[in-house]
Protein backbone atom coordinates (compact mmCIF):
# COMPACT_ATOMS: atom_id res chain seq x y z
CA MET A 1 -9.92 -13.26 52.27
CA ARG A 2 -7.73 -10.59 50.66
CA LYS A 3 -5.49 -13.24 49.10
CA ARG A 4 -8.54 -14.97 47.67
CA ILE A 5 -9.81 -11.73 46.08
CA ILE A 6 -6.39 -11.05 44.55
CA ALA A 7 -6.28 -14.60 43.17
CA ILE A 8 -9.73 -14.18 41.61
CA ILE A 9 -8.66 -10.88 39.98
CA ILE A 10 -5.55 -12.53 38.53
CA MET A 11 -7.66 -15.38 37.13
CA VAL A 12 -10.07 -12.90 35.50
CA LEU A 13 -7.19 -10.96 33.95
CA LEU A 14 -5.64 -14.14 32.60
CA SER A 15 -8.95 -15.23 31.09
CA VAL A 16 -9.39 -11.84 29.44
CA SER A 17 -5.87 -11.94 28.01
CA VAL A 18 -6.68 -15.28 26.38
CA VAL A 19 -9.84 -13.84 24.81
CA VAL A 20 -8.15 -10.78 23.32
CA SER A 21 -4.90 -12.50 22.36
CA PRO A 22 -4.31 -11.66 18.67
CA SER A 23 -2.00 -14.58 17.96
CA SER A 24 -4.72 -16.74 16.39
CA ALA A 25 -6.47 -13.95 14.46
CA ALA A 26 -6.38 -14.00 10.66
CA LEU A 27 -8.53 -10.93 9.94
CA TYR A 28 -8.92 -7.53 11.59
CA THR A 29 -11.69 -4.95 11.09
CA VAL A 30 -10.37 -1.38 11.19
CA LYS A 31 -11.87 0.90 13.84
CA ASN A 32 -11.89 4.70 14.14
CA GLY A 33 -8.46 5.95 15.14
CA ASP A 34 -6.59 2.82 13.99
CA THR A 35 -3.31 3.14 12.09
CA LEU A 36 -1.25 0.53 10.27
CA TRP A 37 1.61 1.21 12.69
CA GLY A 38 -0.58 0.59 15.74
CA ILE A 39 -2.12 -2.59 14.30
CA SER A 40 1.31 -3.91 13.28
CA LYS A 41 2.59 -3.57 16.85
CA VAL A 42 -0.39 -5.48 18.32
CA TYR A 43 -0.04 -8.37 15.85
CA ASN A 44 3.79 -8.53 15.79
CA LEU A 45 4.02 -7.48 12.13
CA THR A 46 5.77 -4.68 10.30
CA VAL A 47 3.87 -2.00 8.36
CA ASP A 48 5.44 -3.37 5.17
CA GLU A 49 4.12 -6.85 5.96
CA LEU A 50 0.60 -5.50 6.55
CA GLN A 51 0.75 -3.59 3.26
CA SER A 52 1.98 -6.69 1.41
CA LEU A 53 -0.65 -8.98 2.93
CA ASN A 54 -3.43 -6.56 1.90
CA ASP A 55 -2.07 -5.30 -1.45
CA ILE A 56 -2.03 -1.64 -0.36
CA ASP A 57 0.69 0.86 -1.19
CA SER A 58 -0.02 3.65 1.29
CA ILE A 59 -0.39 4.03 5.06
CA TRP A 60 -4.07 5.04 4.93
CA ILE A 61 -6.82 2.71 6.15
CA TYR A 62 -10.55 3.23 6.70
CA PRO A 63 -13.07 2.25 9.40
CA GLU A 64 -14.79 -1.09 8.67
CA GLN A 65 -11.96 -2.07 6.28
CA THR A 66 -10.95 -5.74 6.74
CA LEU A 67 -7.22 -6.44 6.95
CA GLN A 68 -5.56 -9.80 6.38
CA LEU A 69 -3.12 -10.64 9.20
CA LYS A 70 -1.77 -13.97 7.99
CA ASN A 71 -0.71 -15.47 4.68
CA LYS A 72 -3.47 -17.32 2.88
CA GLU A 73 -2.83 -20.84 1.66
CA LYS A 74 -1.99 -21.03 -2.07
CA PRO A 75 -2.75 -24.64 -3.11
CA ASN A 76 -2.03 -24.04 -6.82
CA GLN A 77 1.60 -23.08 -6.09
CA GLN A 78 1.37 -20.12 -8.48
CA HIS A 79 1.04 -16.39 -8.04
CA ARG A 80 -0.42 -13.94 -10.56
CA ILE A 81 1.54 -10.69 -10.41
CA ALA A 82 -0.55 -7.73 -9.25
CA LYS A 83 0.09 -4.02 -9.15
CA GLY A 84 2.70 -3.20 -6.52
CA ASP A 85 4.23 -6.69 -6.39
CA THR A 86 8.00 -7.15 -6.30
CA LEU A 87 10.06 -10.33 -6.20
CA PHE A 88 10.94 -9.49 -2.60
CA SER A 89 7.32 -9.03 -1.46
CA ILE A 90 6.19 -12.22 -3.25
CA ALA A 91 9.06 -14.26 -1.79
CA ARG A 92 8.28 -13.01 1.71
CA TYR A 93 4.58 -13.79 1.29
CA TYR A 94 5.29 -17.43 0.36
CA HIS A 95 8.20 -17.86 2.78
CA ILE A 96 10.71 -18.55 0.02
CA THR A 97 13.80 -16.71 -1.25
CA VAL A 98 14.15 -14.34 -4.21
CA ALA A 99 16.83 -16.68 -5.58
CA GLU A 100 14.34 -19.57 -5.57
CA LEU A 101 11.71 -17.44 -7.32
CA LYS A 102 14.17 -16.46 -10.04
CA LYS A 103 15.37 -20.06 -10.46
CA TRP A 104 11.88 -21.58 -10.68
CA ASN A 105 10.77 -18.91 -13.19
CA ASN A 106 13.97 -18.59 -15.24
CA LEU A 107 14.30 -14.92 -14.37
CA LYS A 108 17.58 -13.16 -15.16
CA SER A 109 16.63 -9.84 -13.50
CA ASN A 110 14.23 -8.48 -10.88
CA LEU A 111 11.79 -7.10 -13.47
CA ILE A 112 8.31 -8.63 -13.41
CA VAL A 113 5.17 -7.88 -15.44
CA ILE A 114 1.67 -7.34 -14.07
CA GLY A 115 -0.58 -10.24 -15.10
CA ASP A 116 2.22 -12.81 -15.51
CA VAL A 117 2.07 -15.99 -13.41
CA LEU A 118 5.02 -17.03 -11.23
CA ALA A 119 5.76 -20.47 -9.83
CA VAL A 120 6.10 -20.20 -6.05
CA ASP A 121 7.03 -23.83 -5.45
CA ALA A 122 9.65 -26.12 -7.00
CA SER A 123 6.90 -28.48 -8.18
CA ALA A 124 5.51 -25.73 -10.43
CA ALA A 125 8.88 -24.59 -11.80
CA LYS A 126 8.89 -23.50 -15.44
CA GLU A 127 10.99 -25.17 -18.12
CA LYS A 128 14.10 -23.32 -19.21
CA PRO A 129 13.60 -21.35 -22.44
CA THR A 130 15.20 -22.65 -25.64
CA ILE A 131 17.88 -20.66 -27.47
CA GLN A 132 15.29 -19.57 -30.02
CA SER A 133 12.88 -18.27 -27.38
CA ARG A 134 15.64 -16.11 -25.88
CA LYS A 135 15.74 -14.13 -29.12
CA GLN A 136 12.11 -13.06 -28.75
CA PRO A 137 11.46 -9.48 -27.54
CA VAL A 138 10.83 -9.22 -23.83
CA SER A 139 8.27 -6.81 -22.39
CA VAL A 140 9.41 -4.77 -19.41
CA ALA A 141 7.08 -3.85 -16.59
CA LYS A 142 6.61 -0.16 -16.05
CA SER A 143 6.91 1.13 -12.51
CA PRO A 144 7.12 4.48 -10.74
CA THR A 145 10.90 4.05 -10.57
CA SER A 146 11.34 3.84 -14.33
CA THR A 147 8.78 6.18 -15.92
CA GLY A 148 8.45 9.90 -16.42
CA LYS A 149 10.02 12.92 -14.76
CA SER A 150 10.64 13.12 -11.02
CA TYR A 151 10.27 16.04 -8.62
CA THR A 152 11.16 16.62 -5.00
CA MET A 153 8.16 18.41 -3.50
CA ARG A 154 6.75 19.71 -0.24
CA ALA A 155 3.55 17.80 0.47
CA THR A 156 0.72 18.79 2.81
CA ALA A 157 -2.72 17.19 3.15
CA TYR A 158 -6.32 18.37 2.92
CA THR A 159 -9.83 16.94 3.27
CA ALA A 160 -13.11 17.51 1.47
CA TYR A 161 -14.58 19.18 4.56
CA CYS A 162 -12.05 21.93 5.28
CA ALA A 163 -13.21 25.54 5.77
CA GLY A 164 -14.44 26.87 2.44
CA CYS A 165 -14.10 23.48 0.69
CA SER A 166 -16.91 22.43 -1.65
CA GLY A 167 -15.75 18.86 -2.15
CA ILE A 168 -15.48 19.47 -5.91
CA THR A 169 -11.95 19.62 -7.33
CA ALA A 170 -10.68 22.00 -10.01
CA ASN A 171 -11.40 19.41 -12.72
CA GLY A 172 -14.90 18.65 -11.40
CA THR A 173 -14.20 15.50 -9.36
CA ASN A 174 -16.54 15.04 -6.38
CA ILE A 175 -14.19 13.80 -3.64
CA ARG A 176 -16.91 13.84 -0.97
CA ALA A 177 -18.83 11.25 -2.95
CA ASN A 178 -15.62 9.30 -3.69
CA PRO A 179 -13.50 9.43 -0.51
CA LYS A 180 -11.22 6.57 -1.60
CA LEU A 181 -9.94 8.41 -4.67
CA LYS A 182 -6.25 9.32 -4.73
CA VAL A 183 -6.21 13.00 -5.72
CA ILE A 184 -3.60 15.73 -5.34
CA ALA A 185 -3.71 19.50 -5.74
CA VAL A 186 -0.90 20.90 -7.89
CA ASP A 187 0.44 24.03 -9.52
CA PRO A 188 -0.70 23.40 -13.14
CA ARG A 189 2.39 25.25 -14.40
CA VAL A 190 4.49 22.43 -12.93
CA ILE A 191 2.15 19.43 -13.22
CA PRO A 192 -0.81 19.82 -15.59
CA LEU A 193 -4.28 18.88 -14.34
CA GLY A 194 -5.21 15.34 -15.32
CA THR A 195 -1.65 14.03 -15.02
CA LYS A 196 -1.22 10.62 -13.41
CA VAL A 197 1.48 10.64 -10.75
CA TRP A 198 3.06 8.48 -8.06
CA VAL A 199 3.65 10.17 -4.69
CA GLU A 200 6.05 8.69 -2.17
CA GLY A 201 4.09 7.44 0.86
CA TYR A 202 0.71 8.06 -0.87
CA GLY A 203 0.72 5.95 -4.03
CA GLU A 204 -0.66 6.54 -7.51
CA ALA A 205 -2.94 9.53 -7.87
CA VAL A 206 -4.35 12.06 -10.33
CA ALA A 207 -3.54 15.76 -10.37
CA ALA A 208 -7.16 16.95 -10.19
CA ASP A 209 -7.12 20.02 -7.96
CA THR A 210 -5.39 23.35 -7.34
CA GLY A 211 -4.98 25.62 -4.34
CA GLY A 212 -4.06 29.22 -3.58
CA ALA A 213 -1.04 28.14 -1.55
CA ILE A 214 0.04 25.42 -3.97
CA LYS A 215 2.72 27.16 -5.99
CA GLY A 216 5.85 25.72 -7.59
CA ASN A 217 7.12 22.45 -6.14
CA LYS A 218 4.28 21.99 -3.68
CA ILE A 219 1.39 19.55 -3.64
CA ASP A 220 -1.61 18.89 -1.38
CA VAL A 221 -2.71 15.23 -1.07
CA PHE A 222 -6.37 14.43 -0.49
CA ILE A 223 -7.00 12.48 2.73
CA PRO A 224 -10.57 11.35 3.61
CA THR A 225 -10.55 12.30 7.30
CA GLU A 226 -9.21 15.25 9.26
CA GLY A 227 -7.38 12.99 11.72
CA GLN A 228 -5.47 11.21 8.97
CA ALA A 229 -4.70 14.52 7.28
CA ARG A 230 -3.15 15.75 10.53
CA GLN A 231 -1.09 12.56 10.76
CA TRP A 232 0.32 13.29 7.30
CA GLY A 233 1.57 16.70 8.41
CA VAL A 234 4.20 18.24 6.12
CA LYS A 235 6.57 15.96 4.19
CA THR A 236 9.26 16.25 1.56
CA VAL A 237 8.39 13.56 -1.02
CA THR A 238 9.36 12.31 -4.45
CA VAL A 239 6.67 12.79 -7.10
CA LYS A 240 6.98 10.81 -10.34
CA ILE A 241 5.05 11.51 -13.53
CA LEU A 242 3.56 8.25 -14.85
CA GLU A 243 3.24 7.54 -18.54
């Protein structure tokens, strides 16, 4: 009788494991307490792969947000370059090499321009430019690595619901009503209010707030929830001024 009970328990556990197995899932809905790191471990992905699949450039996710877990089919064999794309991330997405991407698109460097269309299959390869076309001026994509002044700063995090917080920033932005905004508090003597910046590990943001403790090379990044703000902790980050 005991052996039979144990066998039944094992069968139930096996059936449950089949139900919750993530291997066939293509989408995931974020729940309270989820992190990209935790989700990546369950679905055998890296955090970078999750960010690439979902076109996000930070580690922050929100409850009820839907995440793509697998590459979508691209029947047109072309990819329109979006903000945050690199040759490496595009090649990984389509399971090809950077060398193939450069060959099919006649690229001589790793610079790409937002809005341009790349061939991601040999059948869609572009014709080689003529000698005359090579003399035409070439536009260069701007990125956080090639624009503006850079700072190394101490970065903490805050929410719109901290003690004494009104939810209205120094420049009048209502961050309680707009929790997905990327906003940082700065010392205006170092970074003027209204400046667009890129913060390592946070992404592009606007210097829209100040703080009594934010002096010199210090910033405070706005995080929607207290739990995520605690996860941020205290970091030393690179801050780039965007043109």
